[in-house]
N, C-alpha and C. Protein backbone atom coordinates (compact mmCIF):
# COMPACT_ATOMS: atom_id res chain seq x y z
N MET A 1 -10.08 -30.40 -19.91
CA MET A 1 -8.98 -30.27 -19.10
C MET A 1 -7.80 -29.41 -19.21
N LEU A 2 -7.72 -28.71 -20.78
CA LEU A 2 -7.21 -27.39 -20.51
C LEU A 2 -7.49 -25.99 -19.43
N ALA A 3 -9.09 -26.11 -19.47
CA ALA A 3 -9.62 -25.36 -18.88
C ALA A 3 -9.41 -25.04 -17.48
N LYS A 4 -9.20 -26.39 -16.64
CA LYS A 4 -8.75 -26.59 -15.61
C LYS A 4 -7.43 -26.39 -15.13
N ILE A 5 -7.05 -26.20 -16.13
CA ILE A 5 -5.15 -26.11 -16.16
C ILE A 5 -5.03 -24.14 -16.35
N TRP A 6 -5.79 -23.56 -17.09
CA TRP A 6 -5.76 -22.36 -16.94
C TRP A 6 -6.34 -21.79 -15.91
N LYS A 7 -7.40 -22.17 -15.37
CA LYS A 7 -8.56 -21.75 -14.13
C LYS A 7 -7.41 -21.49 -12.76
N LYS A 8 -6.21 -22.61 -12.61
CA LYS A 8 -5.52 -23.02 -11.54
C LYS A 8 -4.07 -22.13 -11.68
N LEU A 9 -3.68 -21.94 -12.99
CA LEU A 9 -2.80 -21.14 -13.35
C LEU A 9 -2.98 -19.78 -13.21
N LEU A 10 -4.24 -19.40 -13.57
CA LEU A 10 -4.69 -17.64 -13.53
C LEU A 10 -4.72 -17.55 -11.92
N LEU A 11 -5.36 -18.68 -11.15
CA LEU A 11 -5.60 -18.35 -9.64
C LEU A 11 -4.60 -18.39 -8.89
N VAL A 12 -3.35 -18.78 -9.23
CA VAL A 12 -2.03 -18.62 -8.79
C VAL A 12 -1.58 -17.34 -9.06
N VAL A 13 -1.91 -16.64 -10.50
CA VAL A 13 -0.81 -15.40 -10.72
C VAL A 13 -1.76 -14.53 -9.83
N LEU A 14 -3.01 -14.77 -9.60
CA LEU A 14 -4.05 -14.13 -8.98
C LEU A 14 -3.18 -13.43 -7.19
N ILE A 15 -3.37 -14.91 -6.50
CA ILE A 15 -2.50 -14.85 -5.53
C ILE A 15 -1.46 -14.22 -5.56
N ILE A 16 -0.29 -14.20 -6.14
CA ILE A 16 1.03 -13.84 -6.33
C ILE A 16 0.52 -12.34 -6.20
N ALA A 17 -0.23 -11.79 -7.49
CA ALA A 17 -0.36 -10.14 -7.41
C ALA A 17 -1.13 -9.56 -5.93
N CYS A 18 -1.54 -10.44 -5.35
CA CYS A 18 -2.39 -10.05 -4.10
C CYS A 18 -0.91 -9.80 -3.21
N LEU A 19 -0.18 -10.83 -3.09
CA LEU A 19 0.82 -10.93 -2.21
C LEU A 19 1.65 -9.68 -2.42
N VAL A 20 2.03 -9.51 -3.64
CA VAL A 20 2.86 -8.53 -4.02
C VAL A 20 2.60 -6.99 -3.34
N ASN A 21 1.01 -6.88 -3.73
CA ASN A 21 0.47 -5.63 -3.77
C ASN A 21 0.29 -5.06 -2.05
N VAL A 22 0.21 -6.70 -1.57
CA VAL A 22 0.06 -6.28 0.21
C VAL A 22 1.69 -6.08 0.85
N ILE A 23 2.51 -6.89 0.19
CA ILE A 23 3.97 -6.84 0.53
C ILE A 23 4.61 -5.02 0.04
N THR A 24 4.37 -4.85 -0.82
CA THR A 24 4.74 -3.20 -1.41
C THR A 24 4.18 -2.29 -0.47
N LYS A 25 2.67 -2.31 -0.06
CA LYS A 25 2.19 -1.47 0.58
C LYS A 25 2.94 -1.40 2.21
N PHE A 26 3.49 -2.68 2.86
CA PHE A 26 4.29 -2.66 4.12
C PHE A 26 5.41 -2.18 3.81
N VAL A 27 6.06 -2.55 2.94
CA VAL A 27 7.37 -1.66 2.65
C VAL A 27 7.41 -0.44 2.25
N LYS A 28 6.24 0.20 1.89
CA LYS A 28 6.08 1.52 1.42
C LYS A 28 5.49 2.45 2.55
N LYS A 29 5.27 2.09 3.70
CA LYS A 29 4.53 2.53 4.91
C LYS A 29 5.47 3.36 5.56
N SER A 30 4.95 4.59 5.63
CA SER A 30 5.86 5.51 6.09
C SER A 30 5.67 5.61 7.89
N SER A 31 6.44 5.76 8.54
CA SER A 31 6.59 5.73 10.00
C SER A 31 5.49 6.79 10.68
N LEU A 32 5.21 6.36 12.22
CA LEU A 32 4.11 7.22 12.87
C LEU A 32 4.79 8.54 12.70
N LYS A 33 6.08 8.25 13.38
CA LYS A 33 6.86 9.79 13.21
C LYS A 33 7.07 10.49 12.53
N ASP A 34 7.06 10.24 11.47
CA ASP A 34 7.10 11.02 9.87
C ASP A 34 5.56 11.97 9.67
N GLU A 35 4.64 10.87 9.88
CA GLU A 35 3.10 11.19 10.18
C GLU A 35 2.86 12.31 10.90
N ILE A 36 3.07 12.06 12.30
CA ILE A 36 3.02 13.16 13.41
C ILE A 36 3.50 14.49 12.46
N THR A 37 4.77 14.29 12.40
CA THR A 37 5.60 15.34 12.25
C THR A 37 4.72 16.15 10.79
N ALA A 38 4.58 15.56 9.68
CA ALA A 38 4.21 16.36 8.63
C ALA A 38 2.82 16.74 9.21
N SER A 39 2.08 16.26 10.07
CA SER A 39 0.93 16.67 10.40
C SER A 39 0.85 18.18 11.01
N ALA A 40 2.04 18.05 11.77
CA ALA A 40 2.27 19.01 12.95
C ALA A 40 2.72 20.70 12.13
N ARG A 41 3.22 20.00 11.21
CA ARG A 41 3.94 21.05 9.68
C ARG A 41 2.76 21.95 9.58
N TYR A 42 2.00 20.82 9.03
CA TYR A 42 0.58 21.26 8.11
C TYR A 42 -0.14 22.39 9.23
N VAL A 43 -0.54 22.00 10.37
CA VAL A 43 -1.01 22.78 11.42
C VAL A 43 -0.45 24.05 11.29
N ARG A 44 0.91 23.87 11.69
CA ARG A 44 1.50 25.29 12.08
C ARG A 44 1.59 26.20 10.84
N SER A 45 1.54 25.31 9.72
CA SER A 45 1.38 26.28 8.42
C SER A 45 0.14 27.16 8.18
N LEU A 46 -0.91 26.33 8.90
CA LEU A 46 -2.58 27.07 8.60
C LEU A 46 -2.69 28.21 9.78
N ASN A 47 -1.72 27.71 11.02
CA ASN A 47 -1.78 29.07 12.17
C ASN A 47 -0.85 30.11 11.69
N ASN A 48 0.18 30.06 10.68
CA ASN A 48 0.47 31.15 10.51
C ASN A 48 0.14 31.88 9.54
N GLU A 49 -0.56 31.26 8.43
CA GLU A 49 -1.75 31.82 7.71
C GLU A 49 -2.70 32.92 7.99
N LYS A 50 -3.32 32.82 9.14
CA LYS A 50 -4.00 33.38 9.66
C LYS A 50 -3.60 34.74 10.50
């Protein structure tokens, strides 16, 4: 009986941890414009070095 309770409790904790992980990835995701701008700056810096 106690093992079933622990199993369910740990399953709930695992699901919550996965949801928190997914949510933080969506929140911290940078915009496409920022990614393109950073990429363009990097390419320009490579061209300037040559």
